[in-house]
Amino acid sequence: MDEKESRLGMLLSALDERDSKLRQHMSMIQDQKKQWEASVKDLRRREDLVMDWQLKHSARETRLRERDDAFDVKVKELGKREKNLTEQEAKLKVDRKALNDLDQRVQGKLSKSMAKEVRIAQLTLPPMPLDSHHHY
């Protein structure tokens, strides 16, 4: 019986040792699980921060794209206006030149016309006596 008890004692001791090791192992697994859960929570928080940043960044990019598009439209509009003004300035120069040419022709014809009137007047008026201004 002593041998059986001794053997049983050894088995119980081995079982206790295994139970202790299993408890230590379970405790380590629990600690590791808590660390992993904390890591997962931290990663989710970081992921949320990244997603928030991406949303804000995307909204900013959209606003910048809209501003760029509006700027491009304004630049094109200004380009059209500038082209129109340049065309109008060129037309104005041509019109001014034409007006100057016309004015010179009118002045020339007016000069000739006045010269003709003076000659006609000289031909149709009786000659004035030379001493007409000496009347007393």
C-alpha atoms as a PDB file:
ATOM      1  CA  MET A   1       0.000   0.000   0.000  1.00  0.00           C
ATOM      2  CA  ASP A   2       2.852   2.364   0.758  1.00  0.00           C
ATOM      3  CA  GLU A   3       4.083   1.810  -2.688  1.00  0.00           C
ATOM      4  CA  LYS A   4       0.682   2.688  -4.131  1.00  0.00           C
ATOM      5  CA  GLU A   5       0.434   5.735  -1.886  1.00  0.00           C
ATOM      6  CA  SER A   6       3.902   6.763  -2.851  1.00  0.00           C
ATOM      7  CA  ARG A   7       3.061   6.289  -6.462  1.00  0.00           C
ATOM      8  CA  LEU A   8      -0.233   8.158  -6.036  1.00  0.00           C
ATOM      9  CA  GLY A   9       1.646  10.939  -4.246  1.00  0.00           C
ATOM     10  CA  MET A  10       4.042  11.182  -7.128  1.00  0.00           C
ATOM     11  CA  LEU A  11       1.177  11.244  -9.628  1.00  0.00           C
ATOM     12  CA  LEU A  12      -0.615  13.923  -7.592  1.00  0.00           C
ATOM     13  CA  SER A  13       2.568  15.914  -7.342  1.00  0.00           C
ATOM     14  CA  ALA A  14       3.127  15.619 -11.104  1.00  0.00           C
ATOM     15  CA  LEU A  15      -0.491  16.593 -11.710  1.00  0.00           C
ATOM     16  CA  ASP A  16      -0.163  19.578  -9.369  1.00  0.00           C
ATOM     17  CA  GLU A  17       3.019  20.614 -11.173  1.00  0.00           C
ATOM     18  CA  ARG A  18       1.274  20.294 -14.549  1.00  0.00           C
ATOM     19  CA  ASP A  19      -1.739  22.173 -13.206  1.00  0.00           C
ATOM     20  CA  SER A  20       0.566  24.940 -11.947  1.00  0.00           C
ATOM     21  CA  LYS A  21       2.308  25.122 -15.317  1.00  0.00           C
ATOM     22  CA  LEU A  22      -1.046  25.194 -17.102  1.00  0.00           C
ATOM     23  CA  ARG A  23      -2.257  27.992 -14.811  1.00  0.00           C
ATOM     24  CA  GLN A  24       0.958  29.958 -15.510  1.00  0.00           C
ATOM     25  CA  HIS A  25       0.510  29.354 -19.230  1.00  0.00           C
ATOM     26  CA  MET A  26      -3.170  30.405 -19.044  1.00  0.00           C
ATOM     27  CA  SER A  27      -2.141  33.539 -17.131  1.00  0.00           C
ATOM     28  CA  MET A  28       0.447  34.361 -19.811  1.00  0.00           C
ATOM     29  CA  ILE A  29      -2.167  33.770 -22.522  1.00  0.00           C
ATOM     30  CA  GLN A  30      -4.604  36.104 -20.688  1.00  0.00           C
ATOM     31  CA  ASP A  31      -1.916  38.798 -20.416  1.00  0.00           C
ATOM     32  CA  GLN A  32      -1.088  38.377 -24.087  1.00  0.00           C
ATOM     33  CA  LYS A  33      -4.815  38.549 -24.971  1.00  0.00           C
ATOM     34  CA  LYS A  34      -5.150  41.818 -23.017  1.00  0.00           C
ATOM     35  CA  GLN A  35      -2.108  43.248 -24.824  1.00  0.00           C
ATOM     36  CA  TRP A  36      -3.525  42.215 -28.197  1.00  0.00           C
ATOM     37  CA  GLU A  37      -6.912  43.695 -27.364  1.00  0.00           C
ATOM     38  CA  ALA A  38      -5.211  46.959 -26.354  1.00  0.00           C
ATOM     39  CA  SER A  39      -3.212  46.860 -29.608  1.00  0.00           C
ATOM     40  CA  VAL A  40      -6.364  46.193 -31.646  1.00  0.00           C
ATOM     41  CA  LYS A  41      -8.138  49.078 -29.877  1.00  0.00           C
ATOM     42  CA  ASP A  42      -5.161  51.375 -30.559  1.00  0.00           C
ATOM     43  CA  LEU A  43      -5.014  50.279 -34.221  1.00  0.00           C
ATOM     44  CA  ARG A  44      -8.770  50.929 -34.620  1.00  0.00           C
ATOM     45  CA  ARG A  45      -8.358  54.372 -33.059  1.00  0.00           C
ATOM     46  CA  ARG A  46      -5.467  55.092 -35.443  1.00  0.00           C
ATOM     47  CA  GLU A  47      -7.472  53.760 -38.372  1.00  0.00           C
ATOM     48  CA  ASP A  48     -10.342  56.097 -37.417  1.00  0.00           C
ATOM     49  CA  LEU A  49      -7.891  59.015 -37.249  1.00  0.00           C
ATOM     50  CA  VAL A  50      -6.500  58.121 -40.665  1.00  0.00           C
ATOM     51  CA  MET A  51     -10.005  57.830 -42.127  1.00  0.00           C
ATOM     52  CA  ASP A  52     -10.988  61.193 -40.621  1.00  0.00           C
ATOM     53  CA  TRP A  53      -7.828  62.757 -42.048  1.00  0.00           C
ATOM     54  CA  GLN A  54      -8.522  61.186 -45.460  1.00  0.00           C
ATOM     55  CA  LEU A  55     -12.086  62.546 -45.459  1.00  0.00           C
ATOM     56  CA  LYS A  56     -10.904  66.035 -44.529  1.00  0.00           C
ATOM     57  CA  HIS A  57      -8.051  65.835 -47.042  1.00  0.00           C
ATOM     58  CA  SER A  58     -10.420  64.622 -49.748  1.00  0.00           C
ATOM     59  CA  ALA A  59     -12.813  67.497 -48.991  1.00  0.00           C
ATOM     60  CA  ARG A  60      -9.905  69.955 -49.162  1.00  0.00           C
ATOM     61  CA  GLU A  61      -8.749  68.469 -52.471  1.00  0.00           C
ATOM     62  CA  THR A  62     -12.279  68.803 -53.834  1.00  0.00           C
ATOM     63  CA  ARG A  63     -12.437  72.460 -52.755  1.00  0.00           C
ATOM     64  CA  LEU A  64      -8.999  73.113 -54.274  1.00  0.00           C
ATOM     65  CA  ARG A  65     -10.042  71.399 -57.510  1.00  0.00           C
ATOM     66  CA  GLU A  66     -13.205  73.534 -57.595  1.00  0.00           C
ATOM     67  CA  ARG A  67     -11.102  76.672 -57.006  1.00  0.00           C
ATOM     68  CA  ASP A  68      -8.670  75.620 -59.733  1.00  0.00           C
ATOM     69  CA  ASP A  69     -11.540  74.981 -62.135  1.00  0.00           C
ATOM     70  CA  ALA A  70     -13.098  78.362 -61.307  1.00  0.00           C
ATOM     71  CA  PHE A  71      -9.683  80.006 -61.729  1.00  0.00           C
ATOM     72  CA  ASP A  72      -9.209  78.282 -65.106  1.00  0.00           C
ATOM     73  CA  VAL A  73     -12.652  79.500 -66.204  1.00  0.00           C
ATOM     74  CA  LYS A  74     -11.765  83.048 -65.146  1.00  0.00           C
ATOM     75  CA  VAL A  75      -8.391  82.869 -66.911  1.00  0.00           C
ATOM     76  CA  LYS A  76     -10.106  81.692 -70.104  1.00  0.00           C
ATOM     77  CA  GLU A  77     -12.710  84.430 -69.740  1.00  0.00           C
ATOM     78  CA  LEU A  78      -9.986  87.034 -69.219  1.00  0.00           C
ATOM     79  CA  GLY A  79      -8.137  85.635 -72.233  1.00  0.00           C
ATOM     80  CA  LYS A  80     -11.275  86.042 -74.338  1.00  0.00           C
ATOM     81  CA  ARG A  81     -11.766  89.574 -73.011  1.00  0.00           C
ATOM     82  CA  GLU A  82      -8.140  90.453 -73.733  1.00  0.00           C
ATOM     83  CA  LYS A  83      -8.425  89.029 -77.260  1.00  0.00           C
ATOM     84  CA  ASN A  84     -11.643  90.991 -77.781  1.00  0.00           C
ATOM     85  CA  LEU A  85     -10.022  94.184 -76.489  1.00  0.00           C
ATOM     86  CA  THR A  86      -6.981  93.635 -78.706  1.00  0.00           C
ATOM     87  CA  GLU A  87      -9.278  93.153 -81.695  1.00  0.00           C
ATOM     88  CA  GLN A  88     -11.244  96.269 -80.747  1.00  0.00           C
ATOM     89  CA  GLU A  89      -8.008  98.278 -80.346  1.00  0.00           C
ATOM     90  CA  ALA A  90      -6.820  97.113 -83.772  1.00  0.00           C
ATOM     91  CA  LYS A  91     -10.205  98.020 -85.279  1.00  0.00           C
ATOM     92  CA  LEU A  92     -10.072 101.378 -83.514  1.00  0.00           C
ATOM     93  CA  LYS A  93      -6.621 102.063 -85.019  1.00  0.00           C
ATOM     94  CA  VAL A  94      -7.927 101.186 -88.476  1.00  0.00           C
ATOM     95  CA  ASP A  95     -11.027 103.339 -87.926  1.00  0.00           C
ATOM     96  CA  ARG A  96      -8.918 106.258 -86.655  1.00  0.00           C
ATOM     97  CA  LYS A  97      -6.621 105.999 -89.663  1.00  0.00           C
ATOM     98  CA  ALA A  98      -9.615 105.864 -91.986  1.00  0.00           C
ATOM     99  CA  LEU A  99     -11.153 108.833 -90.153  1.00  0.00           C
ATOM    100  CA  ASN A 100      -7.878 110.807 -90.423  1.00  0.00           C
ATOM    101  CA  ASP A 101      -7.629 109.986 -94.126  1.00  0.00           C
ATOM    102  CA  LEU A 102     -11.238 111.028 -94.626  1.00  0.00           C
ATOM    103  CA  ASP A 103     -10.685 114.213 -92.602  1.00  0.00           C
ATOM    104  CA  GLN A 104      -7.628 115.079 -94.718  1.00  0.00           C
ATOM    105  CA  ARG A 105      -9.599 114.487 -97.912  1.00  0.00           C
ATOM    106  CA  VAL A 106     -12.485 116.619 -96.603  1.00  0.00           C
ATOM    107  CA  GLN A 107     -10.040 119.367 -95.547  1.00  0.00           C
ATOM    108  CA  GLY A 108      -8.387 119.213 -98.978  1.00  0.00           C
ATOM    109  CA  LYS A 109     -11.728 119.417-100.766  1.00  0.00           C
ATOM    110  CA  LEU A 110     -12.885 122.192 -98.423  1.00  0.00           C
ATOM    111  CA  SER A 111      -9.681 124.101 -99.190  1.00  0.00           C
ATOM    112  CA  LYS A 112     -10.202 123.672-102.928  1.00  0.00           C
ATOM    113  CA  SER A 113     -13.849 124.639-102.585  1.00  0.00           C
ATOM    114  CA  MET A 114     -12.981 127.795-100.637  1.00  0.00           C
ATOM    115  CA  ALA A 115     -10.322 128.688-103.187  1.00  0.00           C
ATOM    116  CA  LYS A 116     -12.914 128.292-105.966  1.00  0.00           C
ATOM    117  CA  GLU A 117     -15.381 130.469-104.060  1.00  0.00           C
ATOM    118  CA  VAL A 118     -12.732 133.179-103.677  1.00  0.00           C
ATOM    119  CA  ARG A 119     -11.961 133.075-107.431  1.00  0.00           C
ATOM    120  CA  ILE A 120     -15.652 133.150-108.313  1.00  0.00           C
ATOM    121  CA  ALA A 121     -16.185 136.051-105.958  1.00  0.00           C
ATOM    122  CA  GLN A 122     -13.226 137.873-107.490  1.00  0.00           C
ATOM    123  CA  LEU A 123     -14.603 137.301-110.969  1.00  0.00           C
ATOM    124  CA  THR A 124     -18.173 138.369-110.189  1.00  0.00           C
ATOM    125  CA  LEU A 125     -17.580 141.386-107.939  1.00  0.00           C
ATOM    126  CA  PRO A 126     -16.862 144.734-109.564  1.00  0.00           C
ATOM    127  CA  PRO A 127     -13.351 145.923-108.942  1.00  0.00           C
ATOM    128  CA  MET A 128     -13.043 148.290-106.066  1.00  0.00           C
ATOM    129  CA  PRO A 129     -11.502 151.667-106.823  1.00  0.00           C
ATOM    130  CA  LEU A 130      -8.074 152.105-105.416  1.00  0.00           C
ATOM    131  CA  ASP A 131      -8.853 155.361-103.672  1.00  0.00           C
ATOM    132  CA  SER A 132     -12.137 154.204-102.135  1.00  0.00           C
ATOM    133  CA  HIS A 133     -10.795 154.290 -98.691  1.00  0.00           C
ATOM    134  CA  HIS A 134      -9.690 157.944 -98.997  1.00  0.00           C
ATOM    135  CA  HIS A 135     -13.153 159.544 -98.999  1.00  0.00           C
ATOM    136  CA  TYR A 136     -13.402 162.682 -96.913  1.00  0.00           C
END
